[in-house]
Amino acid sequence: MGGLNDSGGIGMCGDTRLCDSGDLVKRELQHLTREERRRRRRATAKYRTAHATRERIRVEAFNMAFAELRKLLPTLPPDKKLSKIEILRLAICYISYLNHVLDV
């Protein structure tokens, strides 16, 4: 009878509606909590690779923003290497100075 019996769906691979491996995986994951499903999804190599790529792009954009800000700040010598915190502190001081100049 092609793997089906009279009970309406039980066949050689269990429930015939689950013969598709994607459906089987979904059924297996249904009993897990949301957090457990999230952890399993994040554990895949495909997810980790995609996450690493997104993170690399984010960090590159972050560093480019600091480089652009750095170009706008006056220092002696002009090519002095500054840390990110130094760039932020110098930007704060420079903005305060410019506000003071405009107020005078």
PDB file of N, CA and C in Angstrom:
ATOM      1  N   MET A   1       0.807  -1.199   0.000  1.00  0.00           N
ATOM      2  CA  MET A   1       0.000   0.000   0.000  1.00  0.00           C
ATOM      3  C   MET A   1       0.845   1.256   0.000  1.00  0.00           C
ATOM      4  N   GLY A   2       2.084   1.166  -0.399  1.00  0.00           N
ATOM      5  CA  GLY A   2       2.917   2.341  -0.535  1.00  0.00           C
ATOM      6  C   GLY A   2       3.352   2.936   0.787  1.00  0.00           C
ATOM      7  N   GLY A   3       3.361   2.164   1.880  1.00  0.00           N
ATOM      8  CA  GLY A   3       3.871   2.662   3.136  1.00  0.00           C
ATOM      9  C   GLY A   3       2.821   3.292   4.020  1.00  0.00           C
ATOM     10  N   LEU A   4       1.573   3.383   3.585  1.00  0.00           N
ATOM     11  CA  LEU A   4       0.534   3.978   4.416  1.00  0.00           C
ATOM     12  C   LEU A   4      -0.341   2.877   4.986  1.00  0.00           C
ATOM     13  N   ASN A   5      -0.856   3.087   6.173  1.00  0.00           N
ATOM     14  CA  ASN A   5      -1.846   2.160   6.695  1.00  0.00           C
ATOM     15  C   ASN A   5      -3.154   2.890   6.904  1.00  0.00           C
ATOM     16  N   ASP A   6      -4.133   2.223   7.431  1.00  0.00           N
ATOM     17  CA  ASP A   6      -5.462   2.803   7.575  1.00  0.00           C
ATOM     18  C   ASP A   6      -5.551   3.863   8.663  1.00  0.00           C
ATOM     19  N   SER A   7      -4.516   4.040   9.474  1.00  0.00           N
ATOM     20  CA  SER A   7      -4.592   5.011  10.569  1.00  0.00           C
ATOM     21  C   SER A   7      -4.406   6.440  10.083  1.00  0.00           C
ATOM     22  N   GLY A   8      -4.149   6.614   8.790  1.00  0.00           N
ATOM     23  CA  GLY A   8      -4.098   7.958   8.232  1.00  0.00           C
ATOM     24  C   GLY A   8      -2.742   8.621   8.313  1.00  0.00           C
ATOM     25  N   GLY A   9      -1.709   8.000   7.787  1.00  0.00           N
ATOM     26  CA  GLY A   9      -0.460   8.712   7.650  1.00  0.00           C
ATOM     27  C   GLY A   9       0.752   8.014   8.199  1.00  0.00           C
ATOM     28  N   ILE A  10       0.639   6.941   8.959  1.00  0.00           N
ATOM     29  CA  ILE A  10       1.817   6.277   9.484  1.00  0.00           C
ATOM     30  C   ILE A  10       2.372   5.358   8.406  1.00  0.00           C
ATOM     31  N   GLY A  11       3.631   5.542   8.073  1.00  0.00           N
ATOM     32  CA  GLY A  11       4.234   4.756   7.013  1.00  0.00           C
ATOM     33  C   GLY A  11       5.605   4.286   7.411  1.00  0.00           C
ATOM     34  N   MET A  12       6.437   3.984   6.415  1.00  0.00           N
ATOM     35  CA  MET A  12       7.747   3.393   6.667  1.00  0.00           C
ATOM     36  C   MET A  12       8.697   4.377   7.337  1.00  0.00           C
ATOM     37  N   CYS A  13       8.541   5.645   7.089  1.00  0.00           N
ATOM     38  CA  CYS A  13       9.443   6.616   7.715  1.00  0.00           C
ATOM     39  C   CYS A  13       8.757   7.312   8.875  1.00  0.00           C
ATOM     40  N   GLY A  14       7.827   6.649   9.511  1.00  0.00           N
ATOM     41  CA  GLY A  14       7.102   7.266  10.620  1.00  0.00           C
ATOM     42  C   GLY A  14       5.872   7.938  10.063  1.00  0.00           C
ATOM     43  N   ASP A  15       5.739   9.204  10.311  1.00  0.00           N
ATOM     44  CA  ASP A  15       4.616   9.979   9.798  1.00  0.00           C
ATOM     45  C   ASP A  15       4.974  10.434   8.386  1.00  0.00           C
ATOM     46  N   THR A  16       4.169  10.077   7.382  1.00  0.00           N
ATOM     47  CA  THR A  16       4.513  10.394   5.993  1.00  0.00           C
ATOM     48  C   THR A  16       4.585  11.886   5.755  1.00  0.00           C
ATOM     49  N   ARG A  17       3.937  12.685   6.580  1.00  0.00           N
ATOM     50  CA  ARG A  17       4.040  14.133   6.430  1.00  0.00           C
ATOM     51  C   ARG A  17       5.429  14.630   6.829  1.00  0.00           C
ATOM     52  N   LEU A  18       6.209  13.776   7.493  1.00  0.00           N
ATOM     53  CA  LEU A  18       7.537  14.182   7.955  1.00  0.00           C
ATOM     54  C   LEU A  18       8.654  13.562   7.134  1.00  0.00           C
ATOM     55  N   CYS A  19       8.342  12.932   6.032  1.00  0.00           N
ATOM     56  CA  CYS A  19       9.380  12.304   5.219  1.00  0.00           C
ATOM     57  C   CYS A  19      10.359  13.327   4.667  1.00  0.00           C
ATOM     58  N   ASP A  20       9.910  14.537   4.446  1.00  0.00           N
ATOM     59  CA  ASP A  20      10.800  15.605   4.023  1.00  0.00           C
ATOM     60  C   ASP A  20      11.706  15.953   5.197  1.00  0.00           C
ATOM     61  N   SER A  21      13.016  15.965   4.971  1.00  0.00           N
ATOM     62  CA  SER A  21      13.959  16.170   6.078  1.00  0.00           C
ATOM     63  C   SER A  21      13.776  17.530   6.752  1.00  0.00           C
ATOM     64  N   GLY A  22      13.369  18.564   6.011  1.00  0.00           N
ATOM     65  CA  GLY A  22      13.136  19.871   6.610  1.00  0.00           C
ATOM     66  C   GLY A  22      12.005  19.836   7.612  1.00  0.00           C
ATOM     67  N   ASP A  23      10.938  19.117   7.264  1.00  0.00           N
ATOM     68  CA  ASP A  23       9.817  18.985   8.192  1.00  0.00           C
ATOM     69  C   ASP A  23      10.224  18.182   9.418  1.00  0.00           C
ATOM     70  N   LEU A  24      11.061  17.175   9.214  1.00  0.00           N
ATOM     71  CA  LEU A  24      11.515  16.346  10.332  1.00  0.00           C
ATOM     72  C   LEU A  24      12.336  17.186  11.306  1.00  0.00           C
ATOM     73  N   VAL A  25      13.201  18.022  10.779  1.00  0.00           N
ATOM     74  CA  VAL A  25      14.016  18.892  11.627  1.00  0.00           C
ATOM     75  C   VAL A  25      13.123  19.853  12.396  1.00  0.00           C
ATOM     76  N   LYS A  26      12.124  20.428  11.712  1.00  0.00           N
ATOM     77  CA  LYS A  26      11.210  21.348  12.384  1.00  0.00           C
ATOM     78  C   LYS A  26      10.488  20.650  13.530  1.00  0.00           C
ATOM     79  N   ARG A  27      10.061  19.411  13.295  1.00  0.00           N
ATOM     80  CA  ARG A  27       9.344  18.659  14.327  1.00  0.00           C
ATOM     81  C   ARG A  27      10.264  18.397  15.519  1.00  0.00           C
ATOM     82  N   GLU A  28      11.533  18.052  15.229  1.00  0.00           N
ATOM     83  CA  GLU A  28      12.480  17.787  16.312  1.00  0.00           C
ATOM     84  C   GLU A  28      12.753  19.040  17.136  1.00  0.00           C
ATOM     85  N   LEU A  29      12.739  20.195  16.497  1.00  0.00           N
ATOM     86  CA  LEU A  29      13.051  21.441  17.190  1.00  0.00           C
ATOM     87  C   LEU A  29      11.860  22.024  17.939  1.00  0.00           C
ATOM     88  N   GLN A  30      10.654  21.540  17.663  1.00  0.00           N
ATOM     89  CA  GLN A  30       9.478  22.107  18.303  1.00  0.00           C
ATOM     90  C   GLN A  30       9.492  21.932  19.815  1.00  0.00           C
ATOM     91  N   HIS A  31      10.054  20.850  20.307  1.00  0.00           N
ATOM     92  CA  HIS A  31      10.045  20.613  21.749  1.00  0.00           C
ATOM     93  C   HIS A  31      11.095  21.434  22.493  1.00  0.00           C
ATOM     94  N   LEU A  32      12.011  22.071  21.768  1.00  0.00           N
ATOM     95  CA  LEU A  32      13.058  22.874  22.394  1.00  0.00           C
ATOM     96  C   LEU A  32      12.524  24.262  22.752  1.00  0.00           C
ATOM     97  N   THR A  33      13.118  24.867  23.757  1.00  0.00           N
ATOM     98  CA  THR A  33      12.752  26.239  24.093  1.00  0.00           C
ATOM     99  C   THR A  33      13.288  27.175  23.020  1.00  0.00           C
ATOM    100  N   ARG A  34      12.800  28.380  23.006  1.00  0.00           N
ATOM    101  CA  ARG A  34      13.265  29.359  22.024  1.00  0.00           C
ATOM    102  C   ARG A  34      14.768  29.570  22.136  1.00  0.00           C
ATOM    103  N   GLU A  35      15.265  29.633  23.366  1.00  0.00           N
ATOM    104  CA  GLU A  35      16.704  29.847  23.583  1.00  0.00           C
ATOM    105  C   GLU A  35      17.514  28.666  23.069  1.00  0.00           C
ATOM    106  N   GLU A  36      17.034  27.446  23.286  1.00  0.00           N
ATOM    107  CA  GLU A  36      17.759  26.261  22.791  1.00  0.00           C
ATOM    108  C   GLU A  36      17.772  26.231  21.265  1.00  0.00           C
ATOM    109  N   ARG A  37      16.665  26.601  20.636  1.00  0.00           N
ATOM    110  CA  ARG A  37      16.631  26.651  19.167  1.00  0.00           C
ATOM    111  C   ARG A  37      17.608  27.705  18.656  1.00  0.00           C
ATOM    112  N   ARG A  38      17.664  28.848  19.332  1.00  0.00           N
ATOM    113  CA  ARG A  38      18.587  29.907  18.935  1.00  0.00           C
ATOM    114  C   ARG A  38      20.033  29.431  19.048  1.00  0.00           C
ATOM    115  N   ARG A  39      20.344  28.748  20.140  1.00  0.00           N
ATOM    116  CA  ARG A  39      21.714  28.240  20.309  1.00  0.00           C
ATOM    117  C   ARG A  39      22.077  27.248  19.216  1.00  0.00           C
ATOM    118  N   ARG A  40      21.158  26.352  18.876  1.00  0.00           N
ATOM    119  CA  ARG A  40      21.442  25.371  17.813  1.00  0.00           C
ATOM    120  C   ARG A  40      21.644  26.053  16.477  1.00  0.00           C
ATOM    121  N   ARG A  41      20.811  27.056  16.177  1.00  0.00           N
ATOM    122  CA  ARG A  41      20.940  27.763  14.908  1.00  0.00           C
ATOM    123  C   ARG A  41      22.286  28.481  14.842  1.00  0.00           C
ATOM    124  N   ARG A  42      22.699  29.067  15.958  1.00  0.00           N
ATOM    125  CA  ARG A  42      23.971  29.791  15.994  1.00  0.00           C
ATOM    126  C   ARG A  42      25.171  28.864  15.972  1.00  0.00           C
ATOM    127  N   ALA A  43      24.965  27.603  16.225  1.00  0.00           N
ATOM    128  CA  ALA A  43      26.076  26.655  16.275  1.00  0.00           C
ATOM    129  C   ALA A  43      26.468  26.147  14.890  1.00  0.00           C
ATOM    130  N   THR A  44      25.696  26.478  13.867  1.00  0.00           N
ATOM    131  CA  THR A  44      26.013  25.966  12.536  1.00  0.00           C
ATOM    132  C   THR A  44      27.180  26.749  11.929  1.00  0.00           C
ATOM    133  N   ALA A  45      27.948  26.081  11.112  1.00  0.00           N
ATOM    134  CA  ALA A  45      29.099  26.716  10.458  1.00  0.00           C
ATOM    135  C   ALA A  45      28.646  27.854   9.546  1.00  0.00           C
ATOM    136  N   LYS A  46      27.527  27.665   8.852  1.00  0.00           N
ATOM    137  CA  LYS A  46      27.005  28.692   7.952  1.00  0.00           C
ATOM    138  C   LYS A  46      26.663  29.961   8.734  1.00  0.00           C
ATOM    139  N   TYR A  47      26.028  29.806   9.882  1.00  0.00           N
ATOM    140  CA  TYR A  47      25.668  30.960  10.706  1.00  0.00           C
ATOM    141  C   TYR A  47      26.920  31.668  11.215  1.00  0.00           C
ATOM    142  N   ARG A  48      27.894  30.889  11.714  1.00  0.00           N
ATOM    143  CA  ARG A  48      29.111  31.503  12.255  1.00  0.00           C
ATOM    144  C   ARG A  48      29.862  32.266  11.173  1.00  0.00           C
ATOM    145  N   THR A  49      29.928  31.708   9.969  1.00  0.00           N
ATOM    146  CA  THR A  49      30.613  32.386   8.872  1.00  0.00           C
ATOM    147  C   THR A  49      29.908  33.687   8.516  1.00  0.00           C
ATOM    148  N   ALA A  50      28.582  33.633   8.424  1.00  0.00           N
ATOM    149  CA  ALA A  50      27.816  34.837   8.098  1.00  0.00           C
ATOM    150  C   ALA A  50      27.974  35.881   9.202  1.00  0.00           C
ATOM    151  N   HIS A  51      27.942  35.448  10.450  1.00  0.00           N
ATOM    152  CA  HIS A  51      28.095  36.376  11.574  1.00  0.00           C
ATOM    153  C   HIS A  51      29.484  37.016  11.559  1.00  0.00           C
ATOM    154  N   ALA A  52      30.509  36.225  11.293  1.00  0.00           N
ATOM    155  CA  ALA A  52      31.873  36.760  11.250  1.00  0.00           C
ATOM    156  C   ALA A  52      32.008  37.796  10.139  1.00  0.00           C
ATOM    157  N   THR A  53      31.361  37.540   9.000  1.00  0.00           N
ATOM    158  CA  THR A  53      31.399  38.490   7.889  1.00  0.00           C
ATOM    159  C   THR A  53      30.704  39.795   8.266  1.00  0.00           C
ATOM    160  N   ARG A  54      29.527  39.685   8.878  1.00  0.00           N
ATOM    161  CA  ARG A  54      28.810  40.893   9.313  1.00  0.00           C
ATOM    162  C   ARG A  54      29.634  41.673  10.335  1.00  0.00           C
ATOM    163  N   GLU A  55      30.250  40.976  11.265  1.00  0.00           N
ATOM    164  CA  GLU A  55      31.057  41.633  12.300  1.00  0.00           C
ATOM    165  C   GLU A  55      32.274  42.326  11.689  1.00  0.00           C
ATOM    166  N   ARG A  56      32.912  41.680  10.719  1.00  0.00           N
ATOM    167  CA  ARG A  56      34.074  42.279  10.052  1.00  0.00           C
ATOM    168  C   ARG A  56      33.666  43.570   9.349  1.00  0.00           C
ATOM    169  N   ILE A  57      32.535  43.560   8.667  1.00  0.00           N
ATOM    170  CA  ILE A  57      32.043  44.751   7.970  1.00  0.00           C
ATOM    171  C   ILE A  57      31.721  45.850   8.978  1.00  0.00           C
ATOM    172  N   ARG A  58      31.103  45.481  10.103  1.00  0.00           N
ATOM    173  CA  ARG A  58      30.767  46.463  11.139  1.00  0.00           C
ATOM    174  C   ARG A  58      32.025  47.113  11.704  1.00  0.00           C
ATOM    175  N   VAL A  59      33.035  46.313  12.013  1.00  0.00           N
ATOM    176  CA  VAL A  59      34.278  46.834  12.587  1.00  0.00           C
ATOM    177  C   VAL A  59      35.010  47.719  11.581  1.00  0.00           C
ATOM    178  N   GLU A  60      35.005  47.329  10.305  1.00  0.00           N
ATOM    179  CA  GLU A  60      35.650  48.158   9.283  1.00  0.00           C
ATOM    180  C   GLU A  60      34.966  49.519   9.178  1.00  0.00           C
ATOM    181  N   ALA A  61      33.635  49.542   9.211  1.00  0.00           N
ATOM    182  CA  ALA A  61      32.897  50.811   9.145  1.00  0.00           C
ATOM    183  C   ALA A  61      33.189  51.658  10.377  1.00  0.00           C
ATOM    184  N   PHE A  62      33.260  51.018  11.536  1.00  0.00           N
ATOM    185  CA  PHE A  62      33.573  51.694  12.789  1.00  0.00           C
ATOM    186  C   PHE A  62      34.959  52.337  12.709  1.00  0.00           C
ATOM    187  N   ASN A  63      35.932  51.588  12.237  1.00  0.00           N
ATOM    188  CA  ASN A  63      37.300  52.105  12.127  1.00  0.00           C
ATOM    189  C   ASN A  63      37.399  53.228  11.090  1.00  0.00           C
ATOM    190  N   MET A  64      36.653  53.110   9.994  1.00  0.00           N
ATOM    191  CA  MET A  64      36.667  54.171   8.981  1.00  0.00           C
ATOM    192  C   MET A  64      36.068  55.454   9.547  1.00  0.00           C
ATOM    193  N   ALA A  65      35.027  55.323  10.369  1.00  0.00           N
ATOM    194  CA  ALA A  65      34.424  56.503  10.989  1.00  0.00           C
ATOM    195  C   ALA A  65      35.428  57.196  11.915  1.00  0.00           C
ATOM    196  N   PHE A  66      36.185  56.414  12.679  1.00  0.00           N
ATOM    197  CA  PHE A  66      37.206  57.006  13.543  1.00  0.00           C
ATOM    198  C   PHE A  66      38.307  57.667  12.720  1.00  0.00           C
ATOM    199  N   ALA A  67      38.682  57.053  11.604  1.00  0.00           N
ATOM    200  CA  ALA A  67      39.717  57.634  10.747  1.00  0.00           C
ATOM    201  C   ALA A  67      39.256  58.973  10.168  1.00  0.00           C
ATOM    202  N   GLU A  68      37.987  59.046   9.761  1.00  0.00           N
ATOM    203  CA  GLU A  68      37.447  60.301   9.236  1.00  0.00           C
ATOM    204  C   GLU A  68      37.397  61.376  10.322  1.00  0.00           C
ATOM    205  N   LEU A  69      36.967  61.000  11.512  1.00  0.00           N
ATOM    206  CA  LEU A  69      36.945  61.950  12.628  1.00  0.00           C
ATOM    207  C   LEU A  69      38.360  62.428  12.939  1.00  0.00           C
ATOM    208  N   ARG A  70      39.290  61.509  12.921  1.00  0.00           N
ATOM    209  CA  ARG A  70      40.692  61.837  13.222  1.00  0.00           C
ATOM    210  C   ARG A  70      41.238  62.886  12.261  1.00  0.00           C
ATOM    211  N   LYS A  71      40.852  62.802  10.982  1.00  0.00           N
ATOM    212  CA  LYS A  71      41.329  63.753   9.976  1.00  0.00           C
ATOM    213  C   LYS A  71      40.854  65.179  10.271  1.00  0.00           C
ATOM    214  N   LEU A  72      39.740  65.309  10.993  1.00  0.00           N
ATOM    215  CA  LEU A  72      39.168  66.625  11.273  1.00  0.00           C
ATOM    216  C   LEU A  72      39.758  67.292  12.509  1.00  0.00           C
ATOM    217  N   LEU A  73      40.541  66.554  13.281  1.00  0.00           N
ATOM    218  CA  LEU A  73      41.056  67.077  14.540  1.00  0.00           C
ATOM    219  C   LEU A  73      42.485  67.572  14.391  1.00  0.00           C
ATOM    220  N   PRO A  74      42.759  68.792  14.905  1.00  0.00           N
ATOM    221  CA  PRO A  74      44.126  69.321  14.833  1.00  0.00           C
ATOM    222  C   PRO A  74      45.011  68.719  15.936  1.00  0.00           C
ATOM    223  N   THR A  75      46.166  68.209  15.554  1.00  0.00           N
ATOM    224  CA  THR A  75      47.157  67.709  16.525  1.00  0.00           C
ATOM    225  C   THR A  75      48.544  68.061  16.014  1.00  0.00           C
ATOM    226  N   LEU A  76      49.494  68.047  16.942  1.00  0.00           N
ATOM    227  CA  LEU A  76      50.904  68.240  16.583  1.00  0.00           C
ATOM    228  C   LEU A  76      51.676  67.020  17.057  1.00  0.00           C
ATOM    229  N   PRO A  77      52.319  66.316  16.238  1.00  0.00           N
ATOM    230  CA  PRO A  77      52.345  66.420  14.773  1.00  0.00           C
ATOM    231  C   PRO A  77      51.019  65.939  14.165  1.00  0.00           C
ATOM    232  N   PRO A  78      50.716  66.383  12.956  1.00  0.00           N
ATOM    233  CA  PRO A  78      49.429  66.067  12.332  1.00  0.00           C
ATOM    234  C   PRO A  78      49.182  64.573  12.101  1.00  0.00           C
ATOM    235  N   ASP A  79      50.246  63.825  11.936  1.00  0.00           N
ATOM    236  CA  ASP A  79      50.087  62.382  11.679  1.00  0.00           C
ATOM    237  C   ASP A  79      50.242  61.542  12.946  1.00  0.00           C
ATOM    238  N   LYS A  80      50.144  62.172  14.115  1.00  0.00           N
ATOM    239  CA  LYS A  80      50.298  61.450  15.382  1.00  0.00           C
ATOM    240  C   LYS A  80      49.228  60.374  15.512  1.00  0.00           C
ATOM    241  N   LYS A  81      49.646  59.182  15.879  1.00  0.00           N
ATOM    242  CA  LYS A  81      48.731  58.057  16.065  1.00  0.00           C
ATOM    243  C   LYS A  81      47.985  58.240  17.381  1.00  0.00           C
ATOM    244  N   LEU A  82      46.659  58.178  17.331  1.00  0.00           N
ATOM    245  CA  LEU A  82      45.832  58.330  18.521  1.00  0.00           C
ATOM    246  C   LEU A  82      44.953  57.100  18.702  1.00  0.00           C
ATOM    247  N   SER A  83      44.714  56.753  19.958  1.00  0.00           N
ATOM    248  CA  SER A  83      43.779  55.656  20.236  1.00  0.00           C
ATOM    249  C   SER A  83      42.355  56.175  20.036  1.00  0.00           C
ATOM    250  N   LYS A  84      41.408  55.271  20.017  1.00  0.00           N
ATOM    251  CA  LYS A  84      40.015  55.675  19.832  1.00  0.00           C
ATOM    252  C   LYS A  84      39.541  56.569  20.970  1.00  0.00           C
ATOM    253  N   ILE A  85      39.905  56.240  22.180  1.00  0.00           N
ATOM    254  CA  ILE A  85      39.486  57.075  23.311  1.00  0.00           C
ATOM    255  C   ILE A  85      40.136  58.453  23.220  1.00  0.00           C
ATOM    256  N   GLU A  86      41.380  58.513  22.767  1.00  0.00           N
ATOM    257  CA  GLU A  86      42.047  59.808  22.594  1.00  0.00           C
ATOM    258  C   GLU A  86      41.365  60.633  21.505  1.00  0.00           C
ATOM    259  N   ILE A  87      40.944  59.970  20.441  1.00  0.00           N
ATOM    260  CA  ILE A  87      40.227  60.668  19.368  1.00  0.00           C
ATOM    261  C   ILE A  87      38.926  61.254  19.913  1.00  0.00           C
ATOM    262  N   LEU A  88      38.194  60.466  20.685  1.00  0.00           N
ATOM    263  CA  LEU A  88      36.930  60.944  21.245  1.00  0.00           C
ATOM    264  C   LEU A  88      37.144  62.102  22.205  1.00  0.00           C
ATOM    265  N   ARG A  89      38.136  61.980  23.067  1.00  0.00           N
ATOM    266  CA  ARG A  89      38.409  63.059  24.027  1.00  0.00           C
ATOM    267  C   ARG A  89      38.862  64.330  23.319  1.00  0.00           C
ATOM    268  N   LEU A  90      39.696  64.175  22.319  1.00  0.00           N
ATOM    269  CA  LEU A  90      40.167  65.330  21.553  1.00  0.00           C
ATOM    270  C   LEU A  90      39.007  65.978  20.799  1.00  0.00           C
ATOM    271  N   ALA A  91      38.102  65.166  20.256  1.00  0.00           N
ATOM    272  CA  ALA A  91      36.926  65.706  19.549  1.00  0.00           C
ATOM    273  C   ALA A  91      36.056  66.513  20.507  1.00  0.00           C
ATOM    274  N   ILE A  92      35.872  66.014  21.713  1.00  0.00           N
ATOM    275  CA  ILE A  92      35.079  66.743  22.716  1.00  0.00           C
ATOM    276  C   ILE A  92      35.724  68.090  23.024  1.00  0.00           C
ATOM    277  N   CYS A  93      37.015  68.064  23.238  1.00  0.00           N
ATOM    278  CA  CYS A  93      37.728  69.320  23.540  1.00  0.00           C
ATOM    279  C   CYS A  93      37.669  70.295  22.362  1.00  0.00           C
ATOM    280  N   TYR A  94      37.825  69.778  21.161  1.00  0.00           N
ATOM    281  CA  TYR A  94      37.824  70.621  19.970  1.00  0.00           C
ATOM    282  C   TYR A  94      36.443  71.236  19.748  1.00  0.00           C
ATOM    283  N   ILE A  95      35.406  70.473  19.947  1.00  0.00           N
ATOM    284  CA  ILE A  95      34.039  70.991  19.818  1.00  0.00           C
ATOM    285  C   ILE A  95      33.790  72.078  20.864  1.00  0.00           C
ATOM    286  N   SER A  96      34.245  71.840  22.089  1.00  0.00           N
ATOM    287  CA  SER A  96      34.109  72.856  23.145  1.00  0.00           C
ATOM    288  C   SER A  96      34.853  74.131  22.772  1.00  0.00           C
ATOM    289  N   TYR A  97      36.051  73.979  22.231  1.00  0.00           N
ATOM    290  CA  TYR A  97      36.843  75.130  21.803  1.00  0.00           C
ATOM    291  C   TYR A  97      36.125  75.902  20.701  1.00  0.00           C
ATOM    292  N   LEU A  98      35.600  75.182  19.715  1.00  0.00           N
ATOM    293  CA  LEU A  98      34.890  75.850  18.608  1.00  0.00           C
ATOM    294  C   LEU A  98      33.643  76.572  19.123  1.00  0.00           C
ATOM    295  N   ASN A  99      32.919  75.985  20.066  1.00  0.00           N
ATOM    296  CA  ASN A  99      31.767  76.650  20.651  1.00  0.00           C
ATOM    297  C   ASN A  99      32.200  77.933  21.372  1.00  0.00           C
ATOM    298  N   HIS A 100      33.314  77.860  22.080  1.00  0.00           N
ATOM    299  CA  HIS A 100      33.842  79.035  22.804  1.00  0.00           C
ATOM    300  C   HIS A 100      34.205  80.131  21.799  1.00  0.00           C
ATOM    301  N   VAL A 101      34.848  79.758  20.695  1.00  0.00           N
ATOM    302  CA  VAL A 101      35.245  80.732  19.669  1.00  0.00           C
ATOM    303  C   VAL A 101      34.018  81.398  19.077  1.00  0.00           C
ATOM    304  N   LEU A 102      32.969  80.640  18.855  1.00  0.00           N
ATOM    305  CA  LEU A 102      31.749  81.201  18.272  1.00  0.00           C
ATOM    306  C   LEU A 102      31.022  82.129  19.251  1.00  0.00           C
ATOM    307  N   ASP A 103      31.136  81.834  20.539  1.00  0.00           N
ATOM    308  CA  ASP A 103      30.468  82.658  21.562  1.00  0.00           C
ATOM    309  C   ASP A 103      31.164  83.987  21.771  1.00  0.00           C
ATOM    310  N   VAL A 104      32.453  84.073  21.478  1.00  0.00           N
ATOM    311  CA  VAL A 104      33.220  85.304  21.727  1.00  0.00           C
ATOM    312  C   VAL A 104      33.042  86.305  20.652  1.00  0.00           C
TER     313      VAL A 104
END
